[in-house]
Amino acid sequence: MLLAFSEQTKGQKFPANSSDQETLEMVMDRAMLELDQILWANEINFAILAALPGFFLSLILIMSVYAWLKQDTRAEGRGRVARIQRRLLIVEVEKTIMKYLTYLDQQRLRSLVCS
């Protein structure tokens, strides 16, 4: 009976002179080999899954340290946003220059009034 069941499930012919015990041993050996292969593949998967959080944490740490070291380089690049930021920086520089020139003019006027 076990021999017939094994032949139906596996689609193979087992030797006719083998006993049920030998057939059971062959089927169990084959099943154990298949189970070992599955477990070995799962072991590799679990090892990879265990390493992923550490990898991503180190990647985030490296990116944050890089951003901290690089600080603010707003107006770099060739895009539209970078062009607008460069224009805003130029406007800020012009305002600062105008404030400085106004300060110099006020100092000159004070010196003329005082003398």
PDB file of N, CA and C in Angstrom:
ATOM      1  N   MET A   1       0.816  -1.179   0.000  1.00  0.00           N
ATOM      2  CA  MET A   1       0.000   0.000   0.000  1.00  0.00           C
ATOM      3  C   MET A   1       0.874   1.263   0.000  1.00  0.00           C
ATOM      4  N   LEU A   2       1.895   1.301   0.820  1.00  0.00           N
ATOM      5  CA  LEU A   2       2.808   2.438   0.849  1.00  0.00           C
ATOM      6  C   LEU A   2       3.549   2.553  -0.472  1.00  0.00           C
ATOM      7  N   LEU A   3       3.885   1.422  -1.053  1.00  0.00           N
ATOM      8  CA  LEU A   3       4.575   1.405  -2.339  1.00  0.00           C
ATOM      9  C   LEU A   3       3.691   2.017  -3.415  1.00  0.00           C
ATOM     10  N   ALA A   4       2.436   1.678  -3.453  1.00  0.00           N
ATOM     11  CA  ALA A   4       1.506   2.221  -4.448  1.00  0.00           C
ATOM     12  C   ALA A   4       1.311   3.722  -4.240  1.00  0.00           C
ATOM     13  N   PHE A   5       1.176   4.137  -2.996  1.00  0.00           N
ATOM     14  CA  PHE A   5       1.005   5.560  -2.701  1.00  0.00           C
ATOM     15  C   PHE A   5       2.239   6.354  -3.124  1.00  0.00           C
ATOM     16  N   SER A   6       3.425   5.839  -2.823  1.00  0.00           N
ATOM     17  CA  SER A   6       4.666   6.520  -3.187  1.00  0.00           C
ATOM     18  C   SER A   6       4.808   6.622  -4.692  1.00  0.00           C
ATOM     19  N   GLU A   7       4.432   5.566  -5.407  1.00  0.00           N
ATOM     20  CA  GLU A   7       4.524   5.597  -6.864  1.00  0.00           C
ATOM     21  C   GLU A   7       3.552   6.612  -7.449  1.00  0.00           C
ATOM     22  N   GLN A   8       2.382   6.742  -6.856  1.00  0.00           N
ATOM     23  CA  GLN A   8       1.397   7.697  -7.366  1.00  0.00           C
ATOM     24  C   GLN A   8       1.828   9.138  -7.100  1.00  0.00           C
ATOM     25  N   THR A   9       2.340   9.401  -5.923  1.00  0.00           N
ATOM     26  CA  THR A   9       2.697  10.783  -5.587  1.00  0.00           C
ATOM     27  C   THR A   9       3.969  11.240  -6.282  1.00  0.00           C
ATOM     28  N   LYS A  10       4.942  10.358  -6.401  1.00  0.00           N
ATOM     29  CA  LYS A  10       6.218  10.739  -7.010  1.00  0.00           C
ATOM     30  C   LYS A  10       6.230  10.535  -8.520  1.00  0.00           C
ATOM     31  N   GLY A  11       5.361   9.697  -9.015  1.00  0.00           N
ATOM     32  CA  GLY A  11       5.361   9.413 -10.443  1.00  0.00           C
ATOM     33  C   GLY A  11       6.539   8.553 -10.861  1.00  0.00           C
ATOM     34  N   GLN A  12       7.111   7.811  -9.934  1.00  0.00           N
ATOM     35  CA  GLN A  12       8.259   6.952 -10.212  1.00  0.00           C
ATOM     36  C   GLN A  12       7.902   5.519  -9.855  1.00  0.00           C
ATOM     37  N   LYS A  13       8.583   4.615 -10.502  1.00  0.00           N
ATOM     38  CA  LYS A  13       8.430   3.195 -10.172  1.00  0.00           C
ATOM     39  C   LYS A  13       9.506   2.814  -9.178  1.00  0.00           C
ATOM     40  N   PHE A  14       9.093   2.244  -8.061  1.00  0.00           N
ATOM     41  CA  PHE A  14      10.034   1.734  -7.082  1.00  0.00           C
ATOM     42  C   PHE A  14      10.261   0.253  -7.359  1.00  0.00           C
ATOM     43  N   PRO A  15      11.396  -0.262  -6.958  1.00  0.00           N
ATOM     44  CA  PRO A  15      11.650  -1.691  -7.180  1.00  0.00           C
ATOM     45  C   PRO A  15      10.555  -2.545  -6.535  1.00  0.00           C
ATOM     46  N   ALA A  16      10.148  -3.579  -7.258  1.00  0.00           N
ATOM     47  CA  ALA A  16       9.034  -4.419  -6.793  1.00  0.00           C
ATOM     48  C   ALA A  16       9.415  -5.257  -5.581  1.00  0.00           C
ATOM     49  N   ASN A  17      10.693  -5.580  -5.451  1.00  0.00           N
ATOM     50  CA  ASN A  17      11.094  -6.442  -4.344  1.00  0.00           C
ATOM     51  C   ASN A  17      11.400  -5.668  -3.059  1.00  0.00           C
ATOM     52  N   SER A  18      11.225  -4.332  -3.076  1.00  0.00           N
ATOM     53  CA  SER A  18      11.505  -3.571  -1.861  1.00  0.00           C
ATOM     54  C   SER A  18      10.318  -3.673  -0.905  1.00  0.00           C
ATOM     55  N   SER A  19      10.656  -3.727   0.334  1.00  0.00           N
ATOM     56  CA  SER A  19       9.604  -3.852   1.342  1.00  0.00           C
ATOM     57  C   SER A  19       9.035  -2.473   1.666  1.00  0.00           C
ATOM     58  N   ASP A  20       7.974  -2.469   2.430  1.00  0.00           N
ATOM     59  CA  ASP A  20       7.374  -1.202   2.834  1.00  0.00           C
ATOM     60  C   ASP A  20       8.348  -0.384   3.678  1.00  0.00           C
ATOM     61  N   GLN A  21       9.132  -1.058   4.490  1.00  0.00           N
ATOM     62  CA  GLN A  21      10.093  -0.351   5.340  1.00  0.00           C
ATOM     63  C   GLN A  21      11.164   0.329   4.489  1.00  0.00           C
ATOM     64  N   GLU A  22      11.680  -0.355   3.485  1.00  0.00           N
ATOM     65  CA  GLU A  22      12.690   0.240   2.607  1.00  0.00           C
ATOM     66  C   GLU A  22      12.099   1.406   1.814  1.00  0.00           C
ATOM     67  N   THR A  23      10.896   1.234   1.343  1.00  0.00           N
ATOM     68  CA  THR A  23      10.232   2.304   0.602  1.00  0.00           C
ATOM     69  C   THR A  23      10.020   3.516   1.501  1.00  0.00           C
ATOM     70  N   LEU A  24       9.589   3.259   2.725  1.00  0.00           N
ATOM     71  CA  LEU A  24       9.393   4.343   3.678  1.00  0.00           C
ATOM     72  C   LEU A  24      10.707   5.069   3.952  1.00  0.00           C
ATOM     73  N   GLU A  25      11.793   4.319   4.080  1.00  0.00           N
ATOM     74  CA  GLU A  25      13.094   4.936   4.311  1.00  0.00           C
ATOM     75  C   GLU A  25      13.525   5.793   3.123  1.00  0.00           C
ATOM     76  N   MET A  26      13.301   5.292   1.899  1.00  0.00           N
ATOM     77  CA  MET A  26      13.666   6.069   0.709  1.00  0.00           C
ATOM     78  C   MET A  26      12.850   7.355   0.629  1.00  0.00           C
ATOM     79  N   VAL A  27      11.559   7.231   0.874  1.00  0.00           N
ATOM     80  CA  VAL A  27      10.697   8.410   0.813  1.00  0.00           C
ATOM     81  C   VAL A  27      11.086   9.408   1.898  1.00  0.00           C
ATOM     82  N   MET A  28      11.365   8.912   3.099  1.00  0.00           N
ATOM     83  CA  MET A  28      11.746   9.794   4.200  1.00  0.00           C
ATOM     84  C   MET A  28      13.096  10.467   3.932  1.00  0.00           C
ATOM     85  N   ASP A  29      14.044   9.720   3.377  1.00  0.00           N
ATOM     86  CA  ASP A  29      15.339  10.316   3.039  1.00  0.00           C
ATOM     87  C   ASP A  29      15.180  11.440   2.015  1.00  0.00           C
ATOM     88  N   ARG A  30      14.386  11.168   0.994  1.00  0.00           N
ATOM     89  CA  ARG A  30      14.167  12.184  -0.030  1.00  0.00           C
ATOM     90  C   ARG A  30      13.455  13.405   0.571  1.00  0.00           C
ATOM     91  N   ALA A  31      12.470  13.161   1.409  1.00  0.00           N
ATOM     92  CA  ALA A  31      11.747  14.271   2.043  1.00  0.00           C
ATOM     93  C   ALA A  31      12.675  15.071   2.949  1.00  0.00           C
ATOM     94  N   MET A  32      13.550  14.380   3.667  1.00  0.00           N
ATOM     95  CA  MET A  32      14.485  15.087   4.546  1.00  0.00           C
ATOM     96  C   MET A  32      15.481  15.923   3.737  1.00  0.00           C
ATOM     97  N   LEU A  33      15.933  15.400   2.600  1.00  0.00           N
ATOM     98  CA  LEU A  33      16.831  16.175   1.743  1.00  0.00           C
ATOM     99  C   LEU A  33      16.135  17.434   1.219  1.00  0.00           C
ATOM    100  N   GLU A  34      14.886  17.283   0.792  1.00  0.00           N
ATOM    101  CA  GLU A  34      14.137  18.442   0.316  1.00  0.00           C
ATOM    102  C   GLU A  34      13.925  19.449   1.441  1.00  0.00           C
ATOM    103  N   LEU A  35      13.627  18.954   2.628  1.00  0.00           N
ATOM    104  CA  LEU A  35      13.434  19.830   3.776  1.00  0.00           C
ATOM    105  C   LEU A  35      14.732  20.552   4.139  1.00  0.00           C
ATOM    106  N   ASP A  36      15.858  19.854   4.047  1.00  0.00           N
ATOM    107  CA  ASP A  36      17.151  20.490   4.308  1.00  0.00           C
ATOM    108  C   ASP A  36      17.421  21.618   3.314  1.00  0.00           C
ATOM    109  N   GLN A  37      17.084  21.380   2.046  1.00  0.00           N
ATOM    110  CA  GLN A  37      17.283  22.420   1.044  1.00  0.00           C
ATOM    111  C   GLN A  37      16.412  23.638   1.334  1.00  0.00           C
ATOM    112  N   ILE A  38      15.177  23.393   1.719  1.00  0.00           N
ATOM    113  CA  ILE A  38      14.270  24.501   2.027  1.00  0.00           C
ATOM    114  C   ILE A  38      14.777  25.277   3.240  1.00  0.00           C
ATOM    115  N   LEU A  39      15.192  24.561   4.269  1.00  0.00           N
ATOM    116  CA  LEU A  39      15.684  25.224   5.479  1.00  0.00           C
ATOM    117  C   LEU A  39      16.959  26.009   5.207  1.00  0.00           C
ATOM    118  N   TRP A  40      17.834  25.467   4.373  1.00  0.00           N
ATOM    119  CA  TRP A  40      19.072  26.171   4.044  1.00  0.00           C
ATOM    120  C   TRP A  40      18.758  27.466   3.289  1.00  0.00           C
ATOM    121  N   ALA A  41      17.807  27.415   2.348  1.00  0.00           N
ATOM    122  CA  ALA A  41      17.411  28.621   1.616  1.00  0.00           C
ATOM    123  C   ALA A  41      16.790  29.640   2.571  1.00  0.00           C
ATOM    124  N   ASN A  42      15.976  29.173   3.499  1.00  0.00           N
ATOM    125  CA  ASN A  42      15.367  30.084   4.470  1.00  0.00           C
ATOM    126  C   ASN A  42      16.418  30.679   5.401  1.00  0.00           C
ATOM    127  N   GLU A  43      17.442  29.910   5.719  1.00  0.00           N
ATOM    128  CA  GLU A  43      18.512  30.418   6.581  1.00  0.00           C
ATOM    129  C   GLU A  43      19.223  31.589   5.915  1.00  0.00           C
ATOM    130  N   ILE A  44      19.456  31.470   4.622  1.00  0.00           N
ATOM    131  CA  ILE A  44      20.076  32.569   3.881  1.00  0.00           C
ATOM    132  C   ILE A  44      19.149  33.781   3.870  1.00  0.00           C
ATOM    133  N   ASN A  45      17.851  33.549   3.647  1.00  0.00           N
ATOM    134  CA  ASN A  45      16.896  34.660   3.634  1.00  0.00           C
ATOM    135  C   ASN A  45      16.859  35.370   4.979  1.00  0.00           C
ATOM    136  N   PHE A  46      16.848  34.607   6.070  1.00  0.00           N
ATOM    137  CA  PHE A  46      16.804  35.224   7.387  1.00  0.00           C
ATOM    138  C   PHE A  46      18.093  35.981   7.690  1.00  0.00           C
ATOM    139  N   ALA A  47      19.211  35.481   7.211  1.00  0.00           N
ATOM    140  CA  ALA A  47      20.473  36.195   7.424  1.00  0.00           C
ATOM    141  C   ALA A  47      20.455  37.541   6.700  1.00  0.00           C
ATOM    142  N   ILE A  48      19.929  37.546   5.495  1.00  0.00           N
ATOM    143  CA  ILE A  48      19.833  38.800   4.741  1.00  0.00           C
ATOM    144  C   ILE A  48      18.863  39.754   5.427  1.00  0.00           C
ATOM    145  N   LEU A  49      17.721  39.231   5.857  1.00  0.00           N
ATOM    146  CA  LEU A  49      16.735  40.075   6.535  1.00  0.00           C
ATOM    147  C   LEU A  49      17.273  40.633   7.849  1.00  0.00           C
ATOM    148  N   ALA A  50      18.114  39.873   8.520  1.00  0.00           N
ATOM    149  CA  ALA A  50      18.692  40.358   9.774  1.00  0.00           C
ATOM    150  C   ALA A  50      19.716  41.461   9.516  1.00  0.00           C
ATOM    151  N   ALA A  51      20.377  41.421   8.365  1.00  0.00           N
ATOM    152  CA  ALA A  51      21.407  42.419   8.065  1.00  0.00           C
ATOM    153  C   ALA A  51      20.828  43.716   7.500  1.00  0.00           C
ATOM    154  N   LEU A  52      19.629  43.678   6.932  1.00  0.00           N
ATOM    155  CA  LEU A  52      19.068  44.863   6.285  1.00  0.00           C
ATOM    156  C   LEU A  52      18.852  46.055   7.225  1.00  0.00           C
ATOM    157  N   PRO A  53      18.292  45.885   8.415  1.00  0.00           N
ATOM    158  CA  PRO A  53      18.110  47.071   9.272  1.00  0.00           C
ATOM    159  C   PRO A  53      19.427  47.766   9.619  1.00  0.00           C
ATOM    160  N   GLY A  54      20.454  47.008   9.890  1.00  0.00           N
ATOM    161  CA  GLY A  54      21.753  47.611  10.176  1.00  0.00           C
ATOM    162  C   GLY A  54      22.306  48.351   8.975  1.00  0.00           C
ATOM    163  N   PHE A  55      22.113  47.793   7.801  1.00  0.00           N
ATOM    164  CA  PHE A  55      22.575  48.443   6.577  1.00  0.00           C
ATOM    165  C   PHE A  55      21.857  49.772   6.369  1.00  0.00           C
ATOM    166  N   PHE A  56      20.534  49.763   6.523  1.00  0.00           N
ATOM    167  CA  PHE A  56      19.779  50.995   6.311  1.00  0.00           C
ATOM    168  C   PHE A  56      20.090  52.042   7.377  1.00  0.00           C
ATOM    169  N   LEU A  57      20.289  51.624   8.614  1.00  0.00           N
ATOM    170  CA  LEU A  57      20.660  52.578   9.658  1.00  0.00           C
ATOM    171  C   LEU A  57      22.014  53.217   9.368  1.00  0.00           C
ATOM    172  N   SER A  58      22.969  52.411   8.923  1.00  0.00           N
ATOM    173  CA  SER A  58      24.281  52.975   8.600  1.00  0.00           C
ATOM    174  C   SER A  58      24.187  53.902   7.391  1.00  0.00           C
ATOM    175  N   LEU A  59      23.343  53.567   6.422  1.00  0.00           N
ATOM    176  CA  LEU A  59      23.158  54.428   5.255  1.00  0.00           C
ATOM    177  C   LEU A  59      22.550  55.769   5.663  1.00  0.00           C
ATOM    178  N   ILE A  60      21.555  55.739   6.538  1.00  0.00           N
ATOM    179  CA  ILE A  60      20.943  56.982   7.016  1.00  0.00           C
ATOM    180  C   ILE A  60      21.957  57.806   7.802  1.00  0.00           C
ATOM    181  N   LEU A  61      22.757  57.150   8.624  1.00  0.00           N
ATOM    182  CA  LEU A  61      23.784  57.858   9.393  1.00  0.00           C
ATOM    183  C   LEU A  61      24.804  58.518   8.473  1.00  0.00           C
ATOM    184  N   ILE A  62      25.251  57.799   7.468  1.00  0.00           N
ATOM    185  CA  ILE A  62      26.223  58.359   6.522  1.00  0.00           C
ATOM    186  C   ILE A  62      25.621  59.549   5.784  1.00  0.00           C
ATOM    187  N   MET A  63      24.359  59.426   5.359  1.00  0.00           N
ATOM    188  CA  MET A  63      23.716  60.533   4.649  1.00  0.00           C
ATOM    189  C   MET A  63      23.558  61.760   5.543  1.00  0.00           C
ATOM    190  N   SER A  64      23.214  61.552   6.807  1.00  0.00           N
ATOM    191  CA  SER A  64      23.044  62.696   7.707  1.00  0.00           C
ATOM    192  C   SER A  64      24.387  63.358   8.018  1.00  0.00           C
ATOM    193  N   VAL A  65      25.446  62.570   8.207  1.00  0.00           N
ATOM    194  CA  VAL A  65      26.775  63.150   8.444  1.00  0.00           C
ATOM    195  C   VAL A  65      27.243  63.912   7.208  1.00  0.00           C
ATOM    196  N   TYR A  66      26.995  63.353   6.032  1.00  0.00           N
ATOM    197  CA  TYR A  66      27.372  64.024   4.792  1.00  0.00           C
ATOM    198  C   TYR A  66      26.627  65.355   4.648  1.00  0.00           C
ATOM    199  N   ALA A  67      25.327  65.345   4.940  1.00  0.00           N
ATOM    200  CA  ALA A  67      24.548  66.584   4.842  1.00  0.00           C
ATOM    201  C   ALA A  67      25.018  67.601   5.875  1.00  0.00           C
ATOM    202  N   TRP A  68      25.385  67.131   7.067  1.00  0.00           N
ATOM    203  CA  TRP A  68      25.854  68.050   8.102  1.00  0.00           C
ATOM    204  C   TRP A  68      27.192  68.669   7.710  1.00  0.00           C
ATOM    205  N   LEU A  69      28.084  67.866   7.137  1.00  0.00           N
ATOM    206  CA  LEU A  69      29.387  68.388   6.729  1.00  0.00           C
ATOM    207  C   LEU A  69      29.267  69.330   5.537  1.00  0.00           C
ATOM    208  N   LYS A  70      28.377  69.018   4.648  1.00  0.00           N
ATOM    209  CA  LYS A  70      28.226  69.831   3.451  1.00  0.00           C
ATOM    210  C   LYS A  70      27.546  71.161   3.758  1.00  0.00           C
ATOM    211  N   GLN A  71      26.738  71.182   4.806  1.00  0.00           N
ATOM    212  CA  GLN A  71      25.985  72.362   5.241  1.00  0.00           C
ATOM    213  C   GLN A  71      25.071  72.845   4.125  1.00  0.00           C
ATOM    214  N   ASP A  72      25.000  74.156   3.938  1.00  0.00           N
ATOM    215  CA  ASP A  72      24.019  74.716   3.018  1.00  0.00           C
ATOM    216  C   ASP A  72      24.712  75.196   1.754  1.00  0.00           C
ATOM    217  N   THR A  73      24.460  74.530   0.668  1.00  0.00           N
ATOM    218  CA  THR A  73      24.985  74.958  -0.631  1.00  0.00           C
ATOM    219  C   THR A  73      23.777  75.149  -1.539  1.00  0.00           C
ATOM    220  N   ARG A  74      22.983  76.140  -1.195  1.00  0.00           N
ATOM    221  CA  ARG A  74      21.678  76.275  -1.826  1.00  0.00           C
ATOM    222  C   ARG A  74      21.742  76.513  -3.324  1.00  0.00           C
ATOM    223  N   ALA A  75      22.599  77.384  -3.786  1.00  0.00           N
ATOM    224  CA  ALA A  75      22.523  77.856  -5.160  1.00  0.00           C
ATOM    225  C   ALA A  75      23.382  77.050  -6.119  1.00  0.00           C
ATOM    226  N   GLU A  76      23.598  75.799  -5.840  1.00  0.00           N
ATOM    227  CA  GLU A  76      24.377  74.982  -6.760  1.00  0.00           C
ATOM    228  C   GLU A  76      23.441  74.246  -7.703  1.00  0.00           C
ATOM    229  N   GLY A  77      23.923  74.015  -8.896  1.00  0.00           N
ATOM    230  CA  GLY A  77      23.147  73.250  -9.851  1.00  0.00           C
ATOM    231  C   GLY A  77      22.771  74.082 -11.057  1.00  0.00           C
ATOM    232  N   ARG A  78      22.060  73.435 -11.984  1.00  0.00           N
ATOM    233  CA  ARG A  78      21.699  74.108 -13.222  1.00  0.00           C
ATOM    234  C   ARG A  78      20.196  74.261 -13.386  1.00  0.00           C
ATOM    235  N   GLY A  79      19.442  73.810 -12.435  1.00  0.00           N
ATOM    236  CA  GLY A  79      17.995  73.818 -12.582  1.00  0.00           C
ATOM    237  C   GLY A  79      17.363  75.170 -12.319  1.00  0.00           C
ATOM    238  N   ARG A  80      16.055  75.185 -12.477  1.00  0.00           N
ATOM    239  CA  ARG A  80      15.280  76.405 -12.290  1.00  0.00           C
ATOM    240  C   ARG A  80      15.340  76.884 -10.844  1.00  0.00           C
ATOM    241  N   VAL A  81      15.234  75.954  -9.914  1.00  0.00           N
ATOM    242  CA  VAL A  81      15.269  76.316  -8.493  1.00  0.00           C
ATOM    243  C   VAL A  81      16.623  76.914  -8.134  1.00  0.00           C
ATOM    244  N   ALA A  82      17.698  76.326  -8.640  1.00  0.00           N
ATOM    245  CA  ALA A  82      19.039  76.849  -8.351  1.00  0.00           C
ATOM    246  C   ALA A  82      19.207  78.248  -8.938  1.00  0.00           C
ATOM    247  N   ARG A  83      18.644  78.480 -10.121  1.00  0.00           N
ATOM    248  CA  ARG A  83      18.739  79.799 -10.744  1.00  0.00           C
ATOM    249  C   ARG A  83      18.000  80.843  -9.896  1.00  0.00           C
ATOM    250  N   ILE A  84      16.830  80.481  -9.412  1.00  0.00           N
ATOM    251  CA  ILE A  84      16.071  81.406  -8.556  1.00  0.00           C
ATOM    252  C   ILE A  84      16.829  81.681  -7.266  1.00  0.00           C
ATOM    253  N   GLN A  85      17.426  80.652  -6.691  1.00  0.00           N
ATOM    254  CA  GLN A  85      18.180  80.844  -5.451  1.00  0.00           C
ATOM    255  C   GLN A  85      19.403  81.719  -5.676  1.00  0.00           C
ATOM    256  N   ARG A  86      20.060  81.579  -6.827  1.00  0.00           N
ATOM    257  CA  ARG A  86      21.196  82.458  -7.131  1.00  0.00           C
ATOM    258  C   ARG A  86      20.740  83.915  -7.246  1.00  0.00           C
ATOM    259  N   ARG A  87      19.596  84.119  -7.889  1.00  0.00           N
ATOM    260  CA  ARG A  87      19.075  85.485  -8.004  1.00  0.00           C
ATOM    261  C   ARG A  87      18.770  86.069  -6.629  1.00  0.00           C
ATOM    262  N   LEU A  88      18.182  85.251  -5.755  1.00  0.00           N
ATOM    263  CA  LEU A  88      17.881  85.731  -4.402  1.00  0.00           C
ATOM    264  C   LEU A  88      19.160  86.061  -3.639  1.00  0.00           C
ATOM    265  N   LEU A  89      20.197  85.262  -3.828  1.00  0.00           N
ATOM    266  CA  LEU A  89      21.474  85.560  -3.177  1.00  0.00           C
ATOM    267  C   LEU A  89      22.064  86.867  -3.688  1.00  0.00           C
ATOM    268  N   ILE A  90      21.944  87.105  -4.992  1.00  0.00           N
ATOM    269  CA  ILE A  90      22.452  88.360  -5.562  1.00  0.00           C
ATOM    270  C   ILE A  90      21.680  89.544  -4.998  1.00  0.00           C
ATOM    271  N   VAL A  91      20.362  89.390  -4.852  1.00  0.00           N
ATOM    272  CA  VAL A  91      19.549  90.466  -4.270  1.00  0.00           C
ATOM    273  C   VAL A  91      19.990  90.743  -2.838  1.00  0.00           C
ATOM    274  N   GLU A  92      20.253  89.690  -2.067  1.00  0.00           N
ATOM    275  CA  GLU A  92      20.714  89.875  -0.686  1.00  0.00           C
ATOM    276  C   GLU A  92      22.059  90.594  -0.648  1.00  0.00           C
ATOM    277  N   VAL A  93      22.961  90.241  -1.553  1.00  0.00           N
ATOM    278  CA  VAL A  93      24.272  90.900  -1.609  1.00  0.00           C
ATOM    279  C   VAL A  93      24.101  92.370  -1.979  1.00  0.00           C
ATOM    280  N   GLU A  94      23.230  92.655  -2.955  1.00  0.00           N
ATOM    281  CA  GLU A  94      22.992  94.049  -3.342  1.00  0.00           C
ATOM    282  C   GLU A  94      22.412  94.860  -2.188  1.00  0.00           C
ATOM    283  N   LYS A  95      21.495  94.271  -1.435  1.00  0.00           N
ATOM    284  CA  LYS A  95      20.927  94.971  -0.275  1.00  0.00           C
ATOM    285  C   LYS A  95      22.003  95.278   0.756  1.00  0.00           C
ATOM    286  N   THR A  96      22.877  94.316   0.993  1.00  0.00           N
ATOM    287  CA  THR A  96      23.948  94.525   1.968  1.00  0.00           C
ATOM    288  C   THR A  96      24.894  95.629   1.503  1.00  0.00           C
ATOM    289  N   ILE A  97      25.215  95.649   0.222  1.00  0.00           N
ATOM    290  CA  ILE A  97      26.087  96.701  -0.322  1.00  0.00           C
ATOM    291  C   ILE A  97      25.417  98.064  -0.190  1.00  0.00           C
ATOM    292  N   MET A  98      24.121  98.116  -0.496  1.00  0.00           N
ATOM    293  CA  MET A  98      23.399  99.392  -0.381  1.00  0.00           C
ATOM    294  C   MET A  98      23.355  99.878   1.066  1.00  0.00           C
ATOM    295  N   LYS A  99      23.175  98.967   2.013  1.00  0.00           N
ATOM    296  CA  LYS A  99      23.182  99.357   3.426  1.00  0.00           C
ATOM    297  C   LYS A  99      24.547  99.913   3.820  1.00  0.00           C
ATOM    298  N   TYR A 100      25.595  99.273   3.329  1.00  0.00           N
ATOM    299  CA  TYR A 100      26.950  99.736   3.650  1.00  0.00           C
ATOM    300  C   TYR A 100      27.209 101.115   3.046  1.00  0.00           C
ATOM    301  N   LEU A 101      26.786 101.323   1.791  1.00  0.00           N
ATOM    302  CA  LEU A 101      26.981 102.631   1.155  1.00  0.00           C
ATOM    303  C   LEU A 101      26.163 103.713   1.861  1.00  0.00           C
ATOM    304  N   THR A 102      24.957 103.366   2.294  1.00  0.00           N
ATOM    305  CA  THR A 102      24.141 104.316   3.055  1.00  0.00           C
ATOM    306  C   THR A 102      24.826 104.672   4.361  1.00  0.00           C
ATOM    307  N   TYR A 103      25.390 103.683   5.004  1.00  0.00           N
ATOM    308  CA  TYR A 103      26.127 103.923   6.257  1.00  0.00           C
ATOM    309  C   TYR A 103      27.305 104.865   6.014  1.00  0.00           C
ATOM    310  N   LEU A 104      28.052 104.656   4.920  1.00  0.00           N
ATOM    311  CA  LEU A 104      29.186 105.534   4.604  1.00  0.00           C
ATOM    312  C   LEU A 104      28.719 106.960   4.337  1.00  0.00           C
ATOM    313  N   ASP A 105      27.603 107.104   3.599  1.00  0.00           N
ATOM    314  CA  ASP A 105      27.069 108.442   3.328  1.00  0.00           C
ATOM    315  C   ASP A 105      26.659 109.144   4.618  1.00  0.00           C
ATOM    316  N   GLN A 106      26.026 108.400   5.523  1.00  0.00           N
ATOM    317  CA  GLN A 106      25.619 108.990   6.798  1.00  0.00           C
ATOM    318  C   GLN A 106      26.835 109.414   7.611  1.00  0.00           C
ATOM    319  N   GLN A 107      27.878 108.637   7.577  1.00  0.00           N
ATOM    320  CA  GLN A 107      29.108 108.996   8.299  1.00  0.00           C
ATOM    321  C   GLN A 107      29.710 110.272   7.716  1.00  0.00           C
ATOM    322  N   ARG A 108      29.709 110.407   6.392  1.00  0.00           N
ATOM    323  CA  ARG A 108      30.234 111.607   5.746  1.00  0.00           C
ATOM    324  C   ARG A 108      29.402 112.836   6.119  1.00  0.00           C
ATOM    325  N   LEU A 109      28.075 112.662   6.115  1.00  0.00           N
ATOM    326  CA  LEU A 109      27.210 113.783   6.480  1.00  0.00           C
ATOM    327  C   LEU A 109      27.432 114.203   7.930  1.00  0.00           C
ATOM    328  N   ARG A 110      27.590 113.250   8.820  1.00  0.00           N
ATOM    329  CA  ARG A 110      27.844 113.559  10.229  1.00  0.00           C
ATOM    330  C   ARG A 110      29.176 114.298  10.395  1.00  0.00           C
ATOM    331  N   SER A 111      30.160 113.839   9.636  1.00  0.00           N
ATOM    332  CA  SER A 111      31.470 114.503   9.751  1.00  0.00           C
ATOM    333  C   SER A 111      31.410 115.928   9.199  1.00  0.00           C
ATOM    334  N   LEU A 112      30.594 116.172   8.145  1.00  0.00           N
ATOM    335  CA  LEU A 112      30.449 117.515   7.597  1.00  0.00           C
ATOM    336  C   LEU A 112      29.669 118.416   8.555  1.00  0.00           C
ATOM    337  N   VAL A 113      28.661 117.868   9.190  1.00  0.00           N
ATOM    338  CA  VAL A 113      27.841 118.651  10.112  1.00  0.00           C
ATOM    339  C   VAL A 113      28.647 119.008  11.356  1.00  0.00           C
ATOM    340  N   CYS A 114      29.436 118.080  11.821  1.00  0.00           N
ATOM    341  CA  CYS A 114      30.220 118.302  13.039  1.00  0.00           C
ATOM    342  C   CYS A 114      31.364 119.281  12.805  1.00  0.00           C
ATOM    343  N   SER A 115      31.865 119.397  11.580  1.00  0.00           N
ATOM    344  CA  SER A 115      33.005 120.277  11.376  1.00  0.00           C
ATOM    345  C   SER A 115      32.628 121.649  10.941  1.00  0.00           C
TER     346      SER A 115
END
